[in-house]
Amino acid sequence: CVLGNPRDTADRALASQTANESRATSSRVIAARAFAMLSRDMSTDDTLPVEEAAIRDLLTSWAAAVRAKDLRAVLAQHAADISMFDVPPPLESRGLQAYENTWALFYSAQPEPVAFDIKRLDVVAGRDVAFAYALMQCAEIAADGRRVPLDFRLTVGLRKLDGRWTIVHEHHSVPAT
């Protein structure tokens, strides 16, 4: 029996272990582990809960600004080169001006009062990069004029720039029907 290269055997064993863990572990834990591998020395950083709380506050304030139609506050925490994937066209917007322009369409479809509610929010943060994902709800106007809730998903990528968390990417999606 030829065992082959011990490194290949170890790689196969690790791949098998990883596959087994993936099947037995929730997607949230998998995402957190992947992020931890990419972040610098996250396992010994006691400030991470503080960073996660800061991001949670940032996103909660952002959602409140959307509901208040305070466009200046909506844009305030976004990078100048923000990239956004959205549900209605354009599917991709690049840059703060293009991102700002998407809000006119959003508000034109929103009945009053504007809904932009975080139903569940999860945050994973390193020292200088983070992501958050949420289940959200807004509303739209049905053909008969009724207010209809619209559930959607939000994923946000953030970087710490000049000491403050900044949104560099947003991705909005709706379940396929």
N, C-alpha and C. Protein backbone atom coordinates (compact mmCIF):
# COMPACT_ATOMS: atom_id res chain seq x y z
N CYS A 1 0.85 -1.18 0.00
CA CYS A 1 0.00 0.00 0.00
C CYS A 1 0.89 1.25 0.00
N VAL A 2 0.62 2.15 -0.90
CA VAL A 2 1.39 3.39 -0.99
C VAL A 2 0.51 4.51 -0.45
N LEU A 3 1.01 5.19 0.56
CA LEU A 3 0.24 6.27 1.17
C LEU A 3 0.32 7.56 0.38
N GLY A 4 1.33 7.73 -0.37
CA GLY A 4 1.49 8.97 -1.11
C GLY A 4 2.06 10.06 -0.22
N ASN A 5 2.00 11.26 -0.70
CA ASN A 5 2.53 12.41 -0.01
C ASN A 5 1.74 12.65 1.27
N PRO A 6 2.42 12.71 2.44
CA PRO A 6 1.70 12.93 3.69
C PRO A 6 0.91 14.24 3.69
N ARG A 7 1.41 15.24 2.99
CA ARG A 7 0.69 16.52 2.93
C ARG A 7 -0.63 16.34 2.19
N ASP A 8 -0.63 15.56 1.08
CA ASP A 8 -1.87 15.31 0.35
C ASP A 8 -2.86 14.58 1.24
N THR A 9 -2.39 13.62 2.02
CA THR A 9 -3.26 12.88 2.93
C THR A 9 -3.85 13.82 3.98
N ALA A 10 -3.04 14.70 4.53
CA ALA A 10 -3.52 15.67 5.52
C ALA A 10 -4.53 16.63 4.89
N ASP A 11 -4.25 17.07 3.67
CA ASP A 11 -5.18 17.96 2.97
C ASP A 11 -6.53 17.29 2.76
N ARG A 12 -6.48 16.00 2.35
CA ARG A 12 -7.74 15.27 2.15
C ARG A 12 -8.48 15.10 3.47
N ALA A 13 -7.77 14.82 4.53
CA ALA A 13 -8.40 14.66 5.85
C ALA A 13 -9.03 15.97 6.30
N LEU A 14 -8.30 17.08 6.10
CA LEU A 14 -8.83 18.39 6.46
C LEU A 14 -10.06 18.71 5.63
N ALA A 15 -10.01 18.42 4.33
CA ALA A 15 -11.16 18.68 3.46
C ALA A 15 -12.36 17.85 3.91
N SER A 16 -12.12 16.60 4.27
CA SER A 16 -13.20 15.75 4.75
C SER A 16 -13.78 16.28 6.06
N GLN A 17 -12.91 16.68 6.97
CA GLN A 17 -13.35 17.24 8.25
C GLN A 17 -14.15 18.52 8.02
N THR A 18 -13.66 19.37 7.13
CA THR A 18 -14.35 20.62 6.83
C THR A 18 -15.72 20.35 6.23
N ALA A 19 -15.81 19.40 5.32
CA ALA A 19 -17.10 19.06 4.71
C ALA A 19 -18.07 18.56 5.77
N ASN A 20 -17.59 17.72 6.69
CA ASN A 20 -18.45 17.22 7.75
C ASN A 20 -18.90 18.34 8.68
N GLU A 21 -17.99 19.24 9.02
CA GLU A 21 -18.35 20.37 9.87
C GLU A 21 -19.38 21.26 9.18
N SER A 22 -19.20 21.48 7.88
CA SER A 22 -20.12 22.34 7.14
C SER A 22 -21.53 21.79 7.16
N ARG A 23 -21.66 20.48 7.05
CA ARG A 23 -22.99 19.88 7.07
C ARG A 23 -23.62 19.98 8.45
N ALA A 24 -22.81 19.99 9.48
CA ALA A 24 -23.32 19.96 10.85
C ALA A 24 -23.38 21.33 11.50
N THR A 25 -22.93 22.36 10.82
CA THR A 25 -22.81 23.68 11.42
C THR A 25 -23.71 24.68 10.69
N SER A 26 -24.29 25.61 11.43
CA SER A 26 -25.17 26.60 10.80
C SER A 26 -24.38 27.53 9.89
N SER A 27 -25.07 28.13 8.95
CA SER A 27 -24.40 29.03 8.01
C SER A 27 -23.80 30.24 8.71
N ARG A 28 -24.39 30.67 9.81
CA ARG A 28 -23.84 31.81 10.54
C ARG A 28 -22.47 31.48 11.11
N VAL A 29 -22.33 30.30 11.67
CA VAL A 29 -21.05 29.89 12.25
C VAL A 29 -20.00 29.74 11.15
N ILE A 30 -20.40 29.19 10.02
CA ILE A 30 -19.47 29.05 8.90
C ILE A 30 -18.98 30.42 8.44
N ALA A 31 -19.91 31.37 8.30
CA ALA A 31 -19.53 32.72 7.88
C ALA A 31 -18.59 33.35 8.88
N ALA A 32 -18.87 33.18 10.16
CA ALA A 32 -18.01 33.76 11.19
C ALA A 32 -16.61 33.15 11.16
N ARG A 33 -16.54 31.83 10.95
CA ARG A 33 -15.23 31.17 10.88
C ARG A 33 -14.44 31.65 9.67
N ALA A 34 -15.10 31.76 8.54
CA ALA A 34 -14.41 32.23 7.33
C ALA A 34 -13.89 33.64 7.52
N PHE A 35 -14.72 34.49 8.12
CA PHE A 35 -14.32 35.86 8.35
C PHE A 35 -13.15 35.91 9.33
N ALA A 36 -13.19 35.07 10.35
CA ALA A 36 -12.12 35.05 11.34
C ALA A 36 -10.80 34.66 10.71
N MET A 37 -10.84 33.75 9.74
CA MET A 37 -9.61 33.34 9.06
C MET A 37 -9.03 34.48 8.24
N LEU A 38 -9.88 35.34 7.72
CA LEU A 38 -9.41 36.43 6.88
C LEU A 38 -8.97 37.65 7.68
N SER A 39 -9.53 37.83 8.86
CA SER A 39 -9.19 39.00 9.67
C SER A 39 -7.89 38.78 10.40
N ARG A 40 -7.25 39.86 10.75
CA ARG A 40 -5.96 39.77 11.44
C ARG A 40 -6.15 39.59 12.93
N ASP A 41 -5.71 38.45 13.44
CA ASP A 41 -5.63 38.19 14.87
C ASP A 41 -6.93 38.49 15.61
N MET A 42 -8.06 38.12 15.02
CA MET A 42 -9.34 38.42 15.63
C MET A 42 -9.55 37.67 16.93
N SER A 43 -8.99 36.49 17.06
CA SER A 43 -9.27 35.65 18.21
C SER A 43 -8.80 36.25 19.53
N THR A 44 -7.89 37.19 19.51
CA THR A 44 -7.38 37.77 20.74
C THR A 44 -7.82 39.22 20.91
N ASP A 45 -8.72 39.70 20.10
CA ASP A 45 -9.14 41.10 20.15
C ASP A 45 -10.42 41.23 20.97
N ASP A 46 -10.30 41.81 22.18
CA ASP A 46 -11.45 41.98 23.07
C ASP A 46 -12.36 43.13 22.66
N THR A 47 -11.98 43.92 21.67
CA THR A 47 -12.79 45.08 21.27
C THR A 47 -13.86 44.71 20.24
N LEU A 48 -13.88 43.47 19.76
CA LEU A 48 -14.81 43.12 18.68
C LEU A 48 -16.27 43.30 19.06
N PRO A 49 -16.71 42.94 20.27
CA PRO A 49 -18.12 43.22 20.60
C PRO A 49 -18.45 44.71 20.54
N VAL A 50 -17.48 45.55 20.89
CA VAL A 50 -17.68 47.00 20.80
C VAL A 50 -17.84 47.41 19.33
N GLU A 51 -17.01 46.84 18.46
CA GLU A 51 -17.10 47.15 17.02
C GLU A 51 -18.45 46.70 16.45
N GLU A 52 -18.87 45.50 16.84
CA GLU A 52 -20.16 44.99 16.36
C GLU A 52 -21.30 45.89 16.83
N ALA A 53 -21.25 46.36 18.06
CA ALA A 53 -22.28 47.26 18.58
C ALA A 53 -22.27 48.59 17.83
N ALA A 54 -21.08 49.10 17.51
CA ALA A 54 -20.98 50.36 16.76
C ALA A 54 -21.62 50.20 15.37
N ILE A 55 -21.38 49.07 14.74
CA ILE A 55 -21.96 48.83 13.41
C ILE A 55 -23.47 48.67 13.51
N ARG A 56 -23.93 47.97 14.53
CA ARG A 56 -25.38 47.82 14.75
C ARG A 56 -26.03 49.21 14.92
N ASP A 57 -25.39 50.08 15.70
CA ASP A 57 -25.90 51.44 15.89
C ASP A 57 -25.90 52.21 14.58
N LEU A 58 -24.82 52.09 13.80
CA LEU A 58 -24.72 52.77 12.51
C LEU A 58 -25.88 52.35 11.60
N LEU A 59 -26.13 51.05 11.50
CA LEU A 59 -27.18 50.56 10.60
C LEU A 59 -28.58 50.90 11.11
N THR A 60 -28.76 50.89 12.41
CA THR A 60 -30.05 51.28 12.99
C THR A 60 -30.32 52.76 12.71
N SER A 61 -29.31 53.60 12.86
CA SER A 61 -29.45 55.04 12.56
C SER A 61 -29.70 55.27 11.08
N TRP A 62 -29.02 54.50 10.23
CA TRP A 62 -29.21 54.60 8.78
C TRP A 62 -30.65 54.27 8.41
N ALA A 63 -31.19 53.18 8.97
CA ALA A 63 -32.58 52.80 8.67
C ALA A 63 -33.54 53.89 9.14
N ALA A 64 -33.28 54.49 10.30
CA ALA A 64 -34.12 55.59 10.79
C ALA A 64 -34.05 56.78 9.84
N ALA A 65 -32.87 57.08 9.30
CA ALA A 65 -32.73 58.18 8.35
C ALA A 65 -33.51 57.90 7.07
N VAL A 66 -33.51 56.65 6.62
CA VAL A 66 -34.31 56.27 5.44
C VAL A 66 -35.78 56.55 5.72
N ARG A 67 -36.27 56.10 6.87
CA ARG A 67 -37.69 56.32 7.21
C ARG A 67 -38.02 57.79 7.30
N ALA A 68 -37.08 58.61 7.77
CA ALA A 68 -37.30 60.05 7.91
C ALA A 68 -37.08 60.81 6.61
N LYS A 69 -36.67 60.11 5.57
CA LYS A 69 -36.33 60.72 4.28
C LYS A 69 -35.23 61.76 4.41
N ASP A 70 -34.30 61.53 5.32
CA ASP A 70 -33.17 62.42 5.56
C ASP A 70 -32.01 61.92 4.70
N LEU A 71 -32.01 62.33 3.44
CA LEU A 71 -31.03 61.81 2.48
C LEU A 71 -29.60 62.11 2.89
N ARG A 72 -29.38 63.25 3.49
CA ARG A 72 -28.02 63.58 3.94
C ARG A 72 -27.53 62.55 4.96
N ALA A 73 -28.38 62.19 5.90
CA ALA A 73 -28.01 61.18 6.91
C ALA A 73 -27.92 59.78 6.29
N VAL A 74 -28.76 59.50 5.29
CA VAL A 74 -28.70 58.21 4.60
C VAL A 74 -27.33 58.02 3.96
N LEU A 75 -26.80 59.07 3.38
CA LEU A 75 -25.53 59.00 2.66
C LEU A 75 -24.30 59.13 3.56
N ALA A 76 -24.47 59.66 4.75
CA ALA A 76 -23.36 60.08 5.60
C ALA A 76 -22.35 58.98 5.91
N GLN A 77 -22.77 57.75 6.05
CA GLN A 77 -21.85 56.68 6.46
C GLN A 77 -21.38 55.83 5.28
N HIS A 78 -21.56 56.32 4.06
CA HIS A 78 -21.19 55.56 2.86
C HIS A 78 -19.92 56.10 2.23
N ALA A 79 -19.12 55.20 1.69
CA ALA A 79 -17.88 55.57 1.02
C ALA A 79 -18.18 56.29 -0.30
N ALA A 80 -17.28 57.13 -0.71
CA ALA A 80 -17.44 57.84 -1.98
C ALA A 80 -17.51 56.87 -3.16
N ASP A 81 -16.87 55.72 -3.03
CA ASP A 81 -16.88 54.73 -4.12
C ASP A 81 -17.79 53.53 -3.80
N ILE A 82 -18.86 53.78 -3.06
CA ILE A 82 -19.81 52.72 -2.70
C ILE A 82 -20.23 51.91 -3.93
N SER A 83 -20.38 50.63 -3.72
CA SER A 83 -20.92 49.74 -4.74
C SER A 83 -22.19 49.13 -4.17
N MET A 84 -23.29 49.20 -4.95
CA MET A 84 -24.55 48.65 -4.47
C MET A 84 -25.17 47.78 -5.55
N PHE A 85 -25.65 46.61 -5.14
CA PHE A 85 -26.47 45.74 -5.98
C PHE A 85 -27.88 45.89 -5.45
N ASP A 86 -28.82 46.20 -6.34
CA ASP A 86 -30.19 46.49 -5.91
C ASP A 86 -31.17 45.61 -6.64
N VAL A 87 -32.41 45.63 -6.20
CA VAL A 87 -33.46 44.83 -6.83
C VAL A 87 -33.96 45.51 -8.11
N PRO A 88 -34.42 46.77 -8.03
CA PRO A 88 -34.85 47.40 -9.29
C PRO A 88 -33.64 47.94 -10.06
N PRO A 89 -33.79 48.12 -11.35
CA PRO A 89 -32.69 48.72 -12.13
C PRO A 89 -32.37 50.11 -11.62
N PRO A 90 -31.12 50.51 -11.70
CA PRO A 90 -30.00 49.70 -12.18
C PRO A 90 -29.61 48.65 -11.14
N LEU A 91 -29.25 47.49 -11.59
CA LEU A 91 -28.90 46.41 -10.68
C LEU A 91 -27.61 46.71 -9.92
N GLU A 92 -26.74 47.52 -10.52
CA GLU A 92 -25.50 47.92 -9.86
C GLU A 92 -25.33 49.42 -9.95
N SER A 93 -25.00 50.02 -8.82
CA SER A 93 -24.69 51.45 -8.77
C SER A 93 -23.30 51.59 -8.18
N ARG A 94 -22.49 52.45 -8.79
CA ARG A 94 -21.13 52.69 -8.29
C ARG A 94 -20.93 54.17 -8.05
N GLY A 95 -20.47 54.48 -6.87
CA GLY A 95 -20.22 55.87 -6.51
C GLY A 95 -21.38 56.45 -5.72
N LEU A 96 -21.05 57.43 -4.90
CA LEU A 96 -22.04 58.02 -4.00
C LEU A 96 -23.18 58.72 -4.75
N GLN A 97 -22.87 59.38 -5.86
CA GLN A 97 -23.93 60.06 -6.62
C GLN A 97 -24.91 59.05 -7.21
N ALA A 98 -24.40 57.97 -7.79
CA ALA A 98 -25.27 56.93 -8.34
C ALA A 98 -26.11 56.29 -7.24
N TYR A 99 -25.49 56.05 -6.09
CA TYR A 99 -26.22 55.50 -4.94
C TYR A 99 -27.33 56.45 -4.51
N GLU A 100 -26.99 57.73 -4.40
CA GLU A 100 -28.00 58.73 -4.02
C GLU A 100 -29.17 58.73 -4.98
N ASN A 101 -28.90 58.60 -6.28
CA ASN A 101 -29.96 58.63 -7.29
C ASN A 101 -30.96 57.48 -7.13
N THR A 102 -30.55 56.36 -6.54
CA THR A 102 -31.46 55.22 -6.38
C THR A 102 -32.57 55.51 -5.38
N TRP A 103 -32.35 56.44 -4.49
CA TRP A 103 -33.35 56.70 -3.46
C TRP A 103 -34.60 57.38 -4.01
N ALA A 104 -34.51 58.11 -5.10
CA ALA A 104 -35.70 58.73 -5.69
C ALA A 104 -36.71 57.67 -6.10
N LEU A 105 -36.25 56.59 -6.72
CA LEU A 105 -37.13 55.49 -7.10
C LEU A 105 -37.73 54.82 -5.86
N PHE A 106 -36.90 54.58 -4.86
CA PHE A 106 -37.38 53.96 -3.64
C PHE A 106 -38.51 54.79 -3.02
N TYR A 107 -38.27 56.08 -2.85
CA TYR A 107 -39.28 56.92 -2.21
C TYR A 107 -40.54 57.07 -3.06
N SER A 108 -40.40 57.02 -4.37
CA SER A 108 -41.58 57.14 -5.23
C SER A 108 -42.50 55.93 -5.10
N ALA A 109 -41.97 54.80 -4.66
CA ALA A 109 -42.77 53.59 -4.52
C ALA A 109 -43.24 53.36 -3.08
N GLN A 110 -42.84 54.22 -2.16
CA GLN A 110 -43.15 54.03 -0.75
C GLN A 110 -44.41 54.78 -0.33
N PRO A 111 -45.37 54.07 0.24
CA PRO A 111 -46.50 54.78 0.86
C PRO A 111 -46.04 55.44 2.15
N GLU A 112 -46.77 56.45 2.58
CA GLU A 112 -46.45 57.11 3.86
C GLU A 112 -47.18 56.40 4.98
N PRO A 113 -46.61 56.28 6.14
CA PRO A 113 -45.23 56.59 6.46
C PRO A 113 -44.27 55.57 5.83
N VAL A 114 -43.07 56.02 5.54
CA VAL A 114 -42.07 55.16 4.90
C VAL A 114 -41.70 54.03 5.86
N ALA A 115 -41.68 52.82 5.32
CA ALA A 115 -41.24 51.65 6.09
C ALA A 115 -39.85 51.25 5.61
N PHE A 116 -38.97 51.01 6.54
CA PHE A 116 -37.62 50.50 6.25
C PHE A 116 -37.15 49.92 7.57
N ASP A 117 -37.67 48.75 7.87
CA ASP A 117 -37.54 48.19 9.21
C ASP A 117 -36.61 46.99 9.24
N ILE A 118 -35.71 47.00 10.20
CA ILE A 118 -34.81 45.88 10.43
C ILE A 118 -35.56 44.86 11.28
N LYS A 119 -35.78 43.69 10.73
CA LYS A 119 -36.46 42.63 11.46
C LYS A 119 -35.47 41.75 12.21
N ARG A 120 -34.32 41.51 11.63
CA ARG A 120 -33.23 40.77 12.28
C ARG A 120 -31.92 41.27 11.69
N LEU A 121 -30.93 41.48 12.54
CA LEU A 121 -29.64 41.99 12.10
C LEU A 121 -28.53 41.20 12.77
N ASP A 122 -27.61 40.69 11.95
CA ASP A 122 -26.42 39.99 12.44
C ASP A 122 -25.20 40.75 11.95
N VAL A 123 -24.21 40.89 12.82
CA VAL A 123 -22.99 41.64 12.50
C VAL A 123 -21.78 40.78 12.85
N VAL A 124 -20.81 40.75 11.95
CA VAL A 124 -19.52 40.10 12.20
C VAL A 124 -18.46 41.15 11.91
N ALA A 125 -17.62 41.42 12.91
CA ALA A 125 -16.65 42.51 12.76
C ALA A 125 -15.25 42.08 13.14
N GLY A 126 -14.31 42.56 12.36
CA GLY A 126 -12.90 42.49 12.71
C GLY A 126 -12.49 43.87 13.17
N ARG A 127 -11.19 44.12 13.19
CA ARG A 127 -10.73 45.44 13.61
C ARG A 127 -10.94 46.50 12.55
N ASP A 128 -10.89 46.11 11.26
CA ASP A 128 -10.99 47.12 10.21
C ASP A 128 -11.88 46.72 9.04
N VAL A 129 -12.51 45.56 9.13
CA VAL A 129 -13.45 45.14 8.09
C VAL A 129 -14.57 44.36 8.77
N ALA A 130 -15.79 44.49 8.21
CA ALA A 130 -16.95 43.83 8.81
C ALA A 130 -18.01 43.61 7.75
N PHE A 131 -18.94 42.74 8.09
CA PHE A 131 -20.13 42.62 7.27
C PHE A 131 -21.33 42.42 8.18
N ALA A 132 -22.48 42.81 7.66
CA ALA A 132 -23.74 42.64 8.38
C ALA A 132 -24.76 42.12 7.39
N TYR A 133 -25.68 41.33 7.92
CA TYR A 133 -26.75 40.84 7.06
C TYR A 133 -28.04 40.91 7.85
N ALA A 134 -29.12 41.24 7.14
CA ALA A 134 -30.38 41.52 7.82
C ALA A 134 -31.56 41.05 7.00
N LEU A 135 -32.62 40.75 7.72
CA LEU A 135 -33.94 40.60 7.11
C LEU A 135 -34.65 41.92 7.37
N MET A 136 -35.18 42.49 6.32
CA MET A 136 -35.76 43.83 6.37
C MET A 136 -37.18 43.81 5.84
N GLN A 137 -37.89 44.92 6.07
CA GLN A 137 -39.21 45.05 5.48
C GLN A 137 -39.45 46.52 5.13
N CYS A 138 -39.87 46.72 3.90
CA CYS A 138 -40.36 48.03 3.49
C CYS A 138 -41.80 47.80 3.03
N ALA A 139 -42.32 48.69 2.25
CA ALA A 139 -43.70 48.54 1.77
C ALA A 139 -43.75 49.05 0.34
N GLU A 140 -44.78 48.64 -0.36
CA GLU A 140 -45.02 49.17 -1.69
C GLU A 140 -46.50 49.39 -1.85
N ILE A 141 -46.86 50.08 -2.91
CA ILE A 141 -48.26 50.38 -3.18
C ILE A 141 -48.75 49.39 -4.23
N ALA A 142 -49.78 48.63 -3.87
CA ALA A 142 -50.37 47.67 -4.79
C ALA A 142 -51.16 48.41 -5.87
N ALA A 143 -51.51 47.71 -6.94
CA ALA A 143 -52.26 48.31 -8.05
C ALA A 143 -53.57 48.93 -7.57
N ASP A 144 -54.17 48.35 -6.54
CA ASP A 144 -55.43 48.90 -6.02
C ASP A 144 -55.22 49.97 -4.96
N GLY A 145 -53.95 50.38 -4.74
CA GLY A 145 -53.65 51.45 -3.81
C GLY A 145 -53.38 51.00 -2.39
N ARG A 146 -53.52 49.71 -2.12
CA ARG A 146 -53.25 49.20 -0.77
C ARG A 146 -51.76 49.21 -0.46
N ARG A 147 -51.46 49.37 0.82
CA ARG A 147 -50.09 49.25 1.31
C ARG A 147 -49.79 47.76 1.47
N VAL A 148 -48.71 47.30 0.83
CA VAL A 148 -48.34 45.89 0.86
C VAL A 148 -46.92 45.77 1.41
N PRO A 149 -46.72 44.97 2.46
CA PRO A 149 -45.35 44.79 2.98
C PRO A 149 -44.47 44.07 1.96
N LEU A 150 -43.21 44.43 1.94
CA LEU A 150 -42.24 43.79 1.06
C LEU A 150 -41.03 43.38 1.90
N ASP A 151 -40.85 42.08 2.06
CA ASP A 151 -39.70 41.56 2.78
C ASP A 151 -38.50 41.49 1.84
N PHE A 152 -37.34 41.89 2.34
CA PHE A 152 -36.13 41.80 1.53
C PHE A 152 -34.94 41.49 2.42
N ARG A 153 -33.84 41.14 1.77
CA ARG A 153 -32.59 40.84 2.47
C ARG A 153 -31.60 41.96 2.19
N LEU A 154 -30.78 42.23 3.18
CA LEU A 154 -29.75 43.26 3.06
C LEU A 154 -28.43 42.68 3.54
N THR A 155 -27.39 42.86 2.75
CA THR A 155 -26.04 42.53 3.16
C THR A 155 -25.20 43.79 2.97
N VAL A 156 -24.43 44.12 3.98
CA VAL A 156 -23.62 45.34 3.95
C VAL A 156 -22.17 44.98 4.27
N GLY A 157 -21.25 45.50 3.47
CA GLY A 157 -19.83 45.37 3.75
C GLY A 157 -19.30 46.71 4.24
N LEU A 158 -18.49 46.67 5.28
CA LEU A 158 -17.97 47.90 5.87
C LEU A 158 -16.45 47.82 6.05
N ARG A 159 -15.83 48.98 6.00
CA ARG A 159 -14.40 49.10 6.32
C ARG A 159 -14.26 50.23 7.32
N LYS A 160 -13.26 50.12 8.15
CA LYS A 160 -12.96 51.21 9.06
C LYS A 160 -12.00 52.14 8.35
N LEU A 161 -12.46 53.32 8.03
CA LEU A 161 -11.66 54.32 7.31
C LEU A 161 -11.53 55.55 8.18
N ASP A 162 -10.31 55.99 8.39
CA ASP A 162 -10.05 57.16 9.25
C ASP A 162 -10.74 57.03 10.60
N GLY A 163 -10.74 55.82 11.16
CA GLY A 163 -11.26 55.59 12.49
C GLY A 163 -12.76 55.42 12.61
N ARG A 164 -13.49 55.42 11.48
CA ARG A 164 -14.94 55.25 11.57
C ARG A 164 -15.41 54.20 10.58
N TRP A 165 -16.45 53.47 10.97
CA TRP A 165 -17.01 52.46 10.10
C TRP A 165 -17.72 53.12 8.93
N THR A 166 -17.44 52.63 7.73
CA THR A 166 -17.97 53.20 6.50
C THR A 166 -18.53 52.08 5.64
N ILE A 167 -19.73 52.28 5.12
CA ILE A 167 -20.36 51.29 4.25
C ILE A 167 -19.72 51.39 2.87
N VAL A 168 -19.12 50.29 2.41
CA VAL A 168 -18.48 50.26 1.11
C VAL A 168 -19.27 49.43 0.10
N HIS A 169 -20.19 48.60 0.61
CA HIS A 169 -21.01 47.79 -0.29
C HIS A 169 -22.36 47.49 0.36
N GLU A 170 -23.41 47.57 -0.46
CA GLU A 170 -24.75 47.15 -0.06
C GLU A 170 -25.26 46.19 -1.11
N HIS A 171 -26.00 45.21 -0.65
CA HIS A 171 -26.66 44.26 -1.57
C HIS A 171 -28.06 44.03 -1.05
N HIS A 172 -29.05 44.42 -1.85
CA HIS A 172 -30.45 44.22 -1.51
C HIS A 172 -30.97 43.10 -2.40
N SER A 173 -31.77 42.21 -1.84
CA SER A 173 -32.36 41.14 -2.66
C SER A 173 -33.70 40.74 -2.10
N VAL A 174 -34.51 40.17 -2.96
CA VAL A 174 -35.80 39.62 -2.56
C VAL A 174 -35.83 38.15 -2.91
N PRO A 175 -36.59 37.37 -2.13
CA PRO A 175 -36.69 35.95 -2.47
C PRO A 175 -37.28 35.76 -3.87
N ALA A 176 -36.77 34.79 -4.60
CA ALA A 176 -37.31 34.47 -5.92
C ALA A 176 -38.70 33.87 -5.73
N THR A 177 -39.61 34.22 -6.64
CA THR A 177 -40.97 33.67 -6.52
C THR A 177 -41.26 32.75 -7.69
